[in-house]
Amino acid sequence: MRDLHNNIHTVPLIAPVAALVNVNTPIVSAIIDTLGYGSLEFVLVTGTNTDADVTFAVTVDEGDASNLAGSNAVAAVDLLGTVAQAGFTFADDIETRKIGYVGKKRYVRLTVTPSANDAGSIFLAGVAVLGNPVLSPTANPPQ
């Protein structure tokens, strides 16, 4: 089948915002509820990075509580791709990164932590793509 449209649900992960200027504050995504879906992919989109040496590390947390109280870092075996592959640097202008989650916890979030962002700015956005729904077709527009 060629129908992806009716078998995914998208959720804002990191909403597009004004550039993060000269800060190394972690960018924490929305908490994604996987109930009713058998797969989850995080997709990040970078804008133009103006700092000449900034790097961005990615981590993924999981838990059973809707606020992720008591959460833990996702084990590498429960990820498709690696957190290193999902990270990026100053040289990665207008690119995408992805990392999949195949763990058993209901709630998941992603964090992007800049380092050495002391002389420029970064634009970043992201979306969570939930797939393999228990019920399809999925709503359009997503709710």
C-alpha atoms as a PDB file:
ATOM      1  CA  MET A   1       0.000   0.000   0.000  1.00  0.00           C
ATOM      2  CA  ARG A   2       1.145   3.502  -0.741  1.00  0.00           C
ATOM      3  CA  ASP A   3      -1.109   5.181   1.840  1.00  0.00           C
ATOM      4  CA  LEU A   4       0.959   6.824   4.559  1.00  0.00           C
ATOM      5  CA  HIS A   5      -1.488   9.728   4.932  1.00  0.00           C
ATOM      6  CA  ASN A   6      -4.243   7.744   6.685  1.00  0.00           C
ATOM      7  CA  ASN A   7      -1.819   5.806   8.862  1.00  0.00           C
ATOM      8  CA  ILE A   8       0.110   8.558  10.649  1.00  0.00           C
ATOM      9  CA  HIS A   9      -0.715  11.233  13.182  1.00  0.00           C
ATOM     10  CA  THR A  10       1.499  14.287  13.565  1.00  0.00           C
ATOM     11  CA  VAL A  11       1.984  16.245  16.777  1.00  0.00           C
ATOM     12  CA  PRO A  12       3.972  19.467  17.252  1.00  0.00           C
ATOM     13  CA  LEU A  13       7.193  18.510  19.006  1.00  0.00           C
ATOM     14  CA  ILE A  14       9.154  21.763  19.050  1.00  0.00           C
ATOM     15  CA  ALA A  15       7.127  24.695  17.757  1.00  0.00           C
ATOM     16  CA  PRO A  16       8.930  27.156  15.476  1.00  0.00           C
ATOM     17  CA  VAL A  17      10.038  30.152  17.529  1.00  0.00           C
ATOM     18  CA  ALA A  18      12.349  33.109  17.211  1.00  0.00           C
ATOM     19  CA  ALA A  19      16.032  32.299  17.156  1.00  0.00           C
ATOM     20  CA  LEU A  20      17.784  31.203  20.332  1.00  0.00           C
ATOM     21  CA  VAL A  21      20.538  33.778  20.600  1.00  0.00           C
ATOM     22  CA  ASN A  22      23.699  33.236  22.638  1.00  0.00           C
ATOM     23  CA  VAL A  23      22.169  30.673  24.997  1.00  0.00           C
ATOM     24  CA  ASN A  24      22.898  27.042  25.828  1.00  0.00           C
ATOM     25  CA  THR A  25      19.521  26.354  27.411  1.00  0.00           C
ATOM     26  CA  PRO A  26      18.114  22.896  26.581  1.00  0.00           C
ATOM     27  CA  ILE A  27      15.157  22.872  24.204  1.00  0.00           C
ATOM     28  CA  VAL A  28      12.654  20.444  25.720  1.00  0.00           C
ATOM     29  CA  SER A  29       9.957  19.072  23.437  1.00  0.00           C
ATOM     30  CA  ALA A  30       6.323  18.457  24.140  1.00  0.00           C
ATOM     31  CA  ILE A  31       5.573  15.158  25.867  1.00  0.00           C
ATOM     32  CA  ILE A  32       4.220  12.730  23.292  1.00  0.00           C
ATOM     33  CA  ASP A  33       1.471  10.271  24.279  1.00  0.00           C
ATOM     34  CA  THR A  34       1.870   7.075  22.250  1.00  0.00           C
ATOM     35  CA  LEU A  35      -1.474   5.547  23.298  1.00  0.00           C
ATOM     36  CA  GLY A  36      -3.188   4.075  20.247  1.00  0.00           C
ATOM     37  CA  TYR A  37      -0.063   3.991  18.074  1.00  0.00           C
ATOM     38  CA  GLY A  38       2.550   1.327  17.469  1.00  0.00           C
ATOM     39  CA  SER A  39       5.407   3.549  16.340  1.00  0.00           C
ATOM     40  CA  LEU A  40       6.917   6.982  16.965  1.00  0.00           C
ATOM     41  CA  GLU A  41       9.439   8.996  14.988  1.00  0.00           C
ATOM     42  CA  PHE A  42      10.864  12.349  16.079  1.00  0.00           C
ATOM     43  CA  VAL A  43      11.779  14.690  13.205  1.00  0.00           C
ATOM     44  CA  LEU A  44      13.855  17.850  13.715  1.00  0.00           C
ATOM     45  CA  VAL A  45      14.328  20.673  11.208  1.00  0.00           C
ATOM     46  CA  THR A  46      17.178  23.160  11.543  1.00  0.00           C
ATOM     47  CA  GLY A  47      17.262  26.676  10.221  1.00  0.00           C
ATOM     48  CA  THR A  48      20.367  28.712   9.585  1.00  0.00           C
ATOM     49  CA  ASN A  49      22.895  28.511  12.431  1.00  0.00           C
ATOM     50  CA  THR A  50      25.002  31.646  12.805  1.00  0.00           C
ATOM     51  CA  ASP A  51      27.389  30.441  15.533  1.00  0.00           C
ATOM     52  CA  ALA A  52      30.632  29.034  14.117  1.00  0.00           C
ATOM     53  CA  ASP A  53      31.209  26.284  16.704  1.00  0.00           C
ATOM     54  CA  VAL A  54      27.865  25.356  18.290  1.00  0.00           C
ATOM     55  CA  THR A  55      26.883  21.683  18.641  1.00  0.00           C
ATOM     56  CA  PHE A  56      23.522  20.186  19.569  1.00  0.00           C
ATOM     57  CA  ALA A  57      23.166  16.960  21.557  1.00  0.00           C
ATOM     58  CA  VAL A  58      19.893  15.026  21.565  1.00  0.00           C
ATOM     59  CA  THR A  59      18.477  12.904  24.381  1.00  0.00           C
ATOM     60  CA  VAL A  60      15.202  10.978  24.616  1.00  0.00           C
ATOM     61  CA  ASP A  61      13.304  10.270  27.862  1.00  0.00           C
ATOM     62  CA  GLU A  62      10.430   7.884  28.545  1.00  0.00           C
ATOM     63  CA  GLY A  63       8.030   7.221  31.386  1.00  0.00           C
ATOM     64  CA  ASP A  64       4.617   6.056  32.545  1.00  0.00           C
ATOM     65  CA  ALA A  65       3.433   9.387  34.005  1.00  0.00           C
ATOM     66  CA  SER A  66       1.862  11.997  31.717  1.00  0.00           C
ATOM     67  CA  ASN A  67       4.188  14.666  33.170  1.00  0.00           C
ATOM     68  CA  LEU A  68       7.164  12.285  32.876  1.00  0.00           C
ATOM     69  CA  ALA A  69       7.758  12.375  36.635  1.00  0.00           C
ATOM     70  CA  GLY A  70      10.228   9.581  37.356  1.00  0.00           C
ATOM     71  CA  SER A  71      11.239   9.350  33.701  1.00  0.00           C
ATOM     72  CA  ASN A  72      14.461   7.793  32.505  1.00  0.00           C
ATOM     73  CA  ALA A  73      16.721   8.056  29.475  1.00  0.00           C
ATOM     74  CA  VAL A  74      15.701   5.694  26.700  1.00  0.00           C
ATOM     75  CA  ALA A  75      18.063   2.743  26.266  1.00  0.00           C
ATOM     76  CA  ALA A  76      19.831   2.601  22.893  1.00  0.00           C
ATOM     77  CA  VAL A  77      18.090  -0.713  22.117  1.00  0.00           C
ATOM     78  CA  ASP A  78      14.729   1.142  22.218  1.00  0.00           C
ATOM     79  CA  LEU A  79      15.792   3.721  19.619  1.00  0.00           C
ATOM     80  CA  LEU A  80      15.933   3.497  15.847  1.00  0.00           C
ATOM     81  CA  GLY A  81      19.036   5.411  14.887  1.00  0.00           C
ATOM     82  CA  THR A  82      21.195   6.934  17.579  1.00  0.00           C
ATOM     83  CA  VAL A  83      21.135  10.136  19.580  1.00  0.00           C
ATOM     84  CA  ALA A  84      24.474  10.994  17.937  1.00  0.00           C
ATOM     85  CA  GLN A  85      22.866  10.728  14.486  1.00  0.00           C
ATOM     86  CA  ALA A  86      19.979  12.941  15.651  1.00  0.00           C
ATOM     87  CA  GLY A  87      22.379  15.646  16.884  1.00  0.00           C
ATOM     88  CA  PHE A  88      23.804  18.354  14.677  1.00  0.00           C
ATOM     89  CA  THR A  89      26.354  21.170  14.503  1.00  0.00           C
ATOM     90  CA  PHE A  90      26.784  24.701  13.190  1.00  0.00           C
ATOM     91  CA  ALA A  91      27.447  23.230   9.732  1.00  0.00           C
ATOM     92  CA  ASP A  92      24.006  21.612   9.476  1.00  0.00           C
ATOM     93  CA  ASP A  93      21.960  24.510   8.102  1.00  0.00           C
ATOM     94  CA  ILE A  94      18.468  23.770   6.828  1.00  0.00           C
ATOM     95  CA  GLU A  95      18.642  20.013   7.379  1.00  0.00           C
ATOM     96  CA  THR A  96      16.518  17.356   9.024  1.00  0.00           C
ATOM     97  CA  ARG A  97      17.323  14.720  11.617  1.00  0.00           C
ATOM     98  CA  LYS A  98      15.218  11.791  12.815  1.00  0.00           C
ATOM     99  CA  ILE A  99      15.216   9.258  15.604  1.00  0.00           C
ATOM    100  CA  GLY A 100      12.641   6.537  16.239  1.00  0.00           C
ATOM    101  CA  TYR A 101      11.299   5.157  19.516  1.00  0.00           C
ATOM    102  CA  VAL A 102      10.334   1.478  19.875  1.00  0.00           C
ATOM    103  CA  GLY A 103      10.205   1.227  23.673  1.00  0.00           C
ATOM    104  CA  LYS A 104       7.232   0.203  25.783  1.00  0.00           C
ATOM    105  CA  LYS A 105       6.565   3.382  27.780  1.00  0.00           C
ATOM    106  CA  ARG A 106       3.491   5.467  27.008  1.00  0.00           C
ATOM    107  CA  TYR A 107       5.042   8.951  27.260  1.00  0.00           C
ATOM    108  CA  VAL A 108       8.178  10.127  25.479  1.00  0.00           C
ATOM    109  CA  ARG A 109       9.975  13.439  24.955  1.00  0.00           C
ATOM    110  CA  LEU A 110      13.097  14.685  23.237  1.00  0.00           C
ATOM    111  CA  THR A 111      15.583  17.308  24.433  1.00  0.00           C
ATOM    112  CA  VAL A 112      18.089  19.213  22.288  1.00  0.00           C
ATOM    113  CA  THR A 113      20.952  20.785  24.227  1.00  0.00           C
ATOM    114  CA  PRO A 114      23.167  23.379  22.538  1.00  0.00           C
ATOM    115  CA  SER A 115      26.801  23.799  23.572  1.00  0.00           C
ATOM    116  CA  ALA A 116      29.064  26.761  22.711  1.00  0.00           C
ATOM    117  CA  ASN A 117      26.146  28.820  21.370  1.00  0.00           C
ATOM    118  CA  ASP A 118      27.802  32.029  22.487  1.00  0.00           C
ATOM    119  CA  ALA A 119      28.121  34.090  19.327  1.00  0.00           C
ATOM    120  CA  GLY A 120      25.106  33.423  17.191  1.00  0.00           C
ATOM    121  CA  SER A 121      21.601  32.106  16.847  1.00  0.00           C
ATOM    122  CA  ILE A 122      19.736  28.945  15.868  1.00  0.00           C
ATOM    123  CA  PHE A 123      16.278  28.189  14.541  1.00  0.00           C
ATOM    124  CA  LEU A 124      14.864  24.754  15.318  1.00  0.00           C
ATOM    125  CA  ALA A 125      11.483  23.068  14.932  1.00  0.00           C
ATOM    126  CA  GLY A 126      10.250  19.512  15.191  1.00  0.00           C
ATOM    127  CA  VAL A 127       7.307  17.193  14.750  1.00  0.00           C
ATOM    128  CA  ALA A 128       6.446  13.816  16.229  1.00  0.00           C
ATOM    129  CA  VAL A 129       5.077  11.307  13.736  1.00  0.00           C
ATOM    130  CA  LEU A 130       2.959   8.565  15.309  1.00  0.00           C
ATOM    131  CA  GLY A 131       2.318   5.566  13.090  1.00  0.00           C
ATOM    132  CA  ASN A 132       0.669   2.163  12.996  1.00  0.00           C
ATOM    133  CA  PRO A 133      -2.565   3.416  14.566  1.00  0.00           C
ATOM    134  CA  VAL A 134      -4.953   1.062  16.306  1.00  0.00           C
ATOM    135  CA  LEU A 135      -7.755   2.852  14.462  1.00  0.00           C
ATOM    136  CA  SER A 136      -7.437   4.238  10.965  1.00  0.00           C
ATOM    137  CA  PRO A 137      -7.850   6.365   9.032  1.00  0.00           C
ATOM    138  CA  THR A 138      -6.350   9.003  11.293  1.00  0.00           C
ATOM    139  CA  ALA A 139      -7.995  12.430  11.517  1.00  0.00           C
ATOM    140  CA  ASN A 140      -7.151  15.143   9.013  1.00  0.00           C
ATOM    141  CA  PRO A 141      -6.334  17.742  10.072  1.00  0.00           C
ATOM    142  CA  PRO A 142      -4.704  16.084  13.086  1.00  0.00           C
ATOM    143  CA  GLN A 143      -6.427  16.823  16.398  1.00  0.00           C
END
